[in-house]
N, C-alpha and C. Protein backbone atom coordinates (compact mmCIF):
# COMPACT_ATOMS: atom_id res chain seq x y z
N MET A 1 104.80 72.85 109.18
CA MET A 1 106.23 73.02 109.05
C MET A 1 106.57 74.50 109.23
N ASN A 2 107.61 74.80 109.96
CA ASN A 2 108.00 76.18 110.19
C ASN A 2 108.54 76.79 108.91
N ASP A 3 108.02 77.98 108.60
CA ASP A 3 108.53 78.69 107.44
C ASP A 3 109.78 79.45 107.82
N ILE A 4 110.79 79.33 107.02
CA ILE A 4 112.04 80.02 107.23
C ILE A 4 112.04 81.22 106.30
N GLU A 5 112.42 82.37 106.83
CA GLU A 5 112.50 83.57 105.99
C GLU A 5 113.73 83.46 105.10
N LEU A 6 113.50 83.45 103.81
CA LEU A 6 114.59 83.32 102.85
C LEU A 6 115.23 84.68 102.59
N THR A 7 116.52 84.66 102.29
CA THR A 7 117.23 85.90 101.94
C THR A 7 116.85 86.29 100.51
N GLU A 8 117.18 87.51 100.15
CA GLU A 8 116.87 87.99 98.80
C GLU A 8 117.57 87.14 97.74
N ILE A 9 118.82 86.79 97.97
CA ILE A 9 119.54 85.99 96.98
C ILE A 9 118.94 84.59 96.86
N GLN A 10 118.47 84.01 97.97
CA GLN A 10 117.81 82.70 97.92
C GLN A 10 116.51 82.81 97.11
N LYS A 11 115.77 83.88 97.32
CA LYS A 11 114.53 84.09 96.55
C LYS A 11 114.84 84.25 95.07
N LEU A 12 115.91 84.99 94.74
CA LEU A 12 116.29 85.15 93.34
C LEU A 12 116.65 83.81 92.70
N ILE A 13 117.38 82.99 93.44
CA ILE A 13 117.76 81.67 92.92
C ILE A 13 116.52 80.82 92.68
N LEU A 14 115.62 80.80 93.66
CA LEU A 14 114.39 80.01 93.50
C LEU A 14 113.57 80.50 92.32
N TYR A 15 113.42 81.81 92.20
CA TYR A 15 112.63 82.36 91.10
C TYR A 15 113.29 82.04 89.75
N SER A 16 114.61 82.16 89.70
CA SER A 16 115.33 81.86 88.47
C SER A 16 115.19 80.39 88.08
N LEU A 17 115.29 79.49 89.07
CA LEU A 17 115.11 78.07 88.80
C LEU A 17 113.67 77.79 88.39
N CYS A 18 112.74 78.47 89.02
CA CYS A 18 111.33 78.31 88.67
C CYS A 18 111.09 78.67 87.20
N ARG A 19 111.68 79.78 86.78
CA ARG A 19 111.55 80.19 85.38
C ARG A 19 112.23 79.20 84.44
N ALA A 20 113.41 78.73 84.84
CA ALA A 20 114.16 77.80 83.99
C ALA A 20 113.43 76.47 83.81
N THR A 21 112.73 76.03 84.86
CA THR A 21 111.99 74.76 84.78
C THR A 21 110.54 74.98 84.36
N GLN A 22 110.18 76.23 84.14
CA GLN A 22 108.80 76.62 83.82
C GLN A 22 107.82 76.13 84.87
N GLY A 23 108.29 76.14 86.11
CA GLY A 23 107.43 75.77 87.23
C GLY A 23 107.11 74.30 87.33
N GLY A 24 107.82 73.47 86.58
CA GLY A 24 107.55 72.04 86.60
C GLY A 24 108.42 71.32 87.62
N LYS A 25 107.81 70.47 88.41
CA LYS A 25 108.56 69.75 89.44
C LYS A 25 109.47 68.68 88.83
N GLY A 26 109.10 68.15 87.69
CA GLY A 26 109.89 67.08 87.07
C GLY A 26 111.01 67.57 86.18
N SER A 27 111.12 68.88 85.99
CA SER A 27 112.16 69.43 85.12
C SER A 27 113.47 69.58 85.87
N HIS A 28 114.56 69.15 85.24
CA HIS A 28 115.89 69.26 85.82
C HIS A 28 116.74 70.09 84.86
N VAL A 29 117.42 71.11 85.40
CA VAL A 29 118.24 71.97 84.55
C VAL A 29 119.65 72.11 85.15
N PRO A 30 120.67 72.27 84.28
CA PRO A 30 122.02 72.50 84.78
C PRO A 30 122.13 73.89 85.43
N LYS A 31 123.11 74.05 86.29
CA LYS A 31 123.30 75.30 87.03
C LYS A 31 123.40 76.54 86.14
N PRO A 32 124.11 76.52 85.01
CA PRO A 32 124.22 77.74 84.20
C PRO A 32 122.86 78.27 83.70
N TYR A 33 121.86 77.41 83.62
CA TYR A 33 120.56 77.84 83.13
C TYR A 33 119.81 78.72 84.12
N PHE A 34 120.14 78.62 85.39
CA PHE A 34 119.43 79.45 86.36
C PHE A 34 120.36 80.29 87.25
N MET A 35 121.66 80.06 87.16
CA MET A 35 122.62 80.82 87.97
C MET A 35 123.51 81.69 87.08
N GLY A 36 123.09 81.97 85.86
CA GLY A 36 123.92 82.70 84.91
C GLY A 36 123.88 84.21 85.05
N LYS A 37 122.94 84.74 85.80
CA LYS A 37 122.84 86.18 85.95
C LYS A 37 123.96 86.71 86.85
N PRO A 38 124.45 87.93 86.60
CA PRO A 38 125.54 88.48 87.42
C PRO A 38 125.23 88.50 88.92
N ARG A 39 123.99 88.75 89.31
CA ARG A 39 123.65 88.79 90.73
C ARG A 39 123.69 87.41 91.37
N LEU A 40 123.71 86.36 90.55
CA LEU A 40 123.72 85.00 91.08
C LEU A 40 125.08 84.34 90.89
N GLN A 41 126.12 85.15 90.83
CA GLN A 41 127.48 84.65 90.70
C GLN A 41 128.22 84.85 92.01
N GLY A 42 129.21 84.07 92.25
CA GLY A 42 130.09 84.26 93.39
C GLY A 42 129.77 83.40 94.59
N HIS A 43 130.56 83.63 95.63
CA HIS A 43 130.51 82.81 96.84
C HIS A 43 129.15 82.87 97.54
N LYS A 44 128.57 84.06 97.66
CA LYS A 44 127.29 84.19 98.37
C LYS A 44 126.19 83.42 97.66
N ALA A 45 126.19 83.46 96.35
CA ALA A 45 125.18 82.73 95.58
C ALA A 45 125.37 81.22 95.73
N GLU A 46 126.62 80.76 95.70
CA GLU A 46 126.89 79.33 95.86
C GLU A 46 126.44 78.85 97.24
N LYS A 47 126.71 79.66 98.27
CA LYS A 47 126.29 79.30 99.62
C LYS A 47 124.76 79.28 99.72
N ALA A 48 124.13 80.27 99.11
CA ALA A 48 122.66 80.33 99.12
C ALA A 48 122.07 79.09 98.44
N LEU A 49 122.67 78.65 97.34
CA LEU A 49 122.20 77.45 96.65
C LEU A 49 122.36 76.22 97.55
N ARG A 50 123.52 76.09 98.19
CA ARG A 50 123.74 74.96 99.11
C ARG A 50 122.72 74.97 100.24
N ASP A 51 122.43 76.17 100.76
CA ASP A 51 121.44 76.29 101.84
C ASP A 51 120.04 75.87 101.36
N LEU A 52 119.68 76.27 100.15
CA LEU A 52 118.37 75.89 99.61
C LEU A 52 118.26 74.38 99.42
N ILE A 53 119.36 73.75 99.05
CA ILE A 53 119.37 72.29 98.90
C ILE A 53 119.20 71.65 100.28
N ALA A 54 119.93 72.17 101.27
CA ALA A 54 119.85 71.63 102.64
C ALA A 54 118.47 71.83 103.25
N LEU A 55 117.79 72.90 102.87
CA LEU A 55 116.45 73.20 103.41
C LEU A 55 115.33 72.53 102.60
N ASN A 56 115.70 71.70 101.62
CA ASN A 56 114.74 70.96 100.79
C ASN A 56 113.87 71.85 99.91
N TYR A 57 114.45 72.92 99.40
CA TYR A 57 113.76 73.73 98.40
C TYR A 57 114.17 73.29 97.00
N ILE A 58 115.43 72.82 96.88
CA ILE A 58 115.98 72.43 95.59
C ILE A 58 116.59 71.04 95.72
N LEU A 59 116.40 70.23 94.68
CA LEU A 59 116.97 68.89 94.62
C LEU A 59 118.14 68.87 93.65
N LYS A 60 119.21 68.17 94.03
CA LYS A 60 120.32 67.91 93.11
C LYS A 60 120.06 66.57 92.45
N HIS A 61 120.32 66.51 91.15
CA HIS A 61 120.08 65.28 90.41
C HIS A 61 121.26 65.03 89.48
N PRO A 62 122.10 64.05 89.81
CA PRO A 62 123.24 63.77 88.94
C PRO A 62 122.80 63.13 87.63
N THR A 63 123.41 63.58 86.55
CA THR A 63 123.18 62.96 85.24
C THR A 63 124.52 62.42 84.76
N GLY A 64 124.55 61.91 83.56
CA GLY A 64 125.77 61.33 83.05
C GLY A 64 126.93 62.29 82.95
N SER A 65 126.67 63.53 82.57
CA SER A 65 127.76 64.46 82.33
C SER A 65 127.83 65.63 83.32
N GLU A 66 126.73 65.94 84.00
CA GLU A 66 126.75 67.09 84.91
C GLU A 66 125.65 66.96 85.95
N MET A 67 125.71 67.85 86.94
CA MET A 67 124.69 67.90 87.97
C MET A 67 123.55 68.78 87.47
N THR A 68 122.33 68.32 87.69
CA THR A 68 121.17 69.16 87.36
C THR A 68 120.39 69.42 88.64
N TYR A 69 119.50 70.40 88.57
CA TYR A 69 118.77 70.86 89.74
C TYR A 69 117.29 70.95 89.40
N ALA A 70 116.47 70.71 90.41
CA ALA A 70 115.02 70.77 90.24
C ALA A 70 114.40 71.34 91.51
N LEU A 71 113.17 71.81 91.37
CA LEU A 71 112.43 72.30 92.53
C LEU A 71 111.87 71.13 93.32
N ASP A 72 112.05 71.16 94.62
CA ASP A 72 111.40 70.20 95.51
C ASP A 72 110.00 70.74 95.77
N GLU A 73 109.17 69.99 96.44
CA GLU A 73 107.79 70.43 96.73
C GLU A 73 107.79 71.77 97.47
N ARG A 74 108.67 71.89 98.42
CA ARG A 74 108.76 73.13 99.20
C ARG A 74 109.19 74.31 98.32
N GLY A 75 110.14 74.07 97.43
CA GLY A 75 110.59 75.10 96.50
C GLY A 75 109.51 75.50 95.52
N LEU A 76 108.74 74.52 95.08
CA LEU A 76 107.63 74.79 94.16
C LEU A 76 106.58 75.68 94.82
N GLU A 77 106.28 75.42 96.07
CA GLU A 77 105.33 76.23 96.82
C GLU A 77 105.84 77.66 96.98
N GLU A 78 107.11 77.80 97.32
CA GLU A 78 107.70 79.14 97.46
C GLU A 78 107.71 79.86 96.13
N CYS A 79 107.95 79.13 95.06
CA CYS A 79 107.94 79.70 93.72
C CYS A 79 106.56 80.28 93.40
N ARG A 80 105.53 79.56 93.75
CA ARG A 80 104.15 80.05 93.52
C ARG A 80 103.91 81.34 94.30
N LYS A 81 104.39 81.39 95.54
CA LYS A 81 104.23 82.59 96.36
C LYS A 81 104.96 83.78 95.74
N LEU A 82 106.19 83.54 95.26
CA LEU A 82 106.96 84.61 94.65
C LEU A 82 106.27 85.12 93.39
N ARG A 83 105.72 84.24 92.60
CA ARG A 83 105.00 84.65 91.38
C ARG A 83 103.80 85.53 91.72
N GLU A 84 103.05 85.13 92.75
CA GLU A 84 101.88 85.92 93.16
C GLU A 84 102.30 87.31 93.63
N ARG A 85 103.39 87.39 94.37
CA ARG A 85 103.87 88.70 94.83
C ARG A 85 104.28 89.57 93.65
N LEU A 86 104.93 88.96 92.66
CA LEU A 86 105.35 89.74 91.49
C LEU A 86 104.16 90.19 90.65
N LYS A 87 103.14 89.37 90.56
CA LYS A 87 101.94 89.76 89.82
C LYS A 87 101.25 90.93 90.48
N ALA A 88 101.32 91.00 91.81
CA ALA A 88 100.65 92.06 92.57
C ALA A 88 101.35 93.41 92.38
N LEU A 89 102.61 93.41 91.93
CA LEU A 89 103.35 94.68 91.78
C LEU A 89 102.93 95.44 90.55
């Protein structure tokens, strides 16, 4: 599969979701749990989230009261790569 170069804001969203779900593929969290940081607010962040969903990095999962989000297999793999890069710093 062709790897797409993610933008910095997309990487931040993935990393934030990864932390919120503790790297678990089965964990679903509401948007405020991973999009609450000031850098992840606004139109650019919302577009980046929609793009990540379209690229199959993040899954939307409707619940009774709100939409929750989880890492897809592709997002989980990218999350692992981001963690390794951060450990190397």
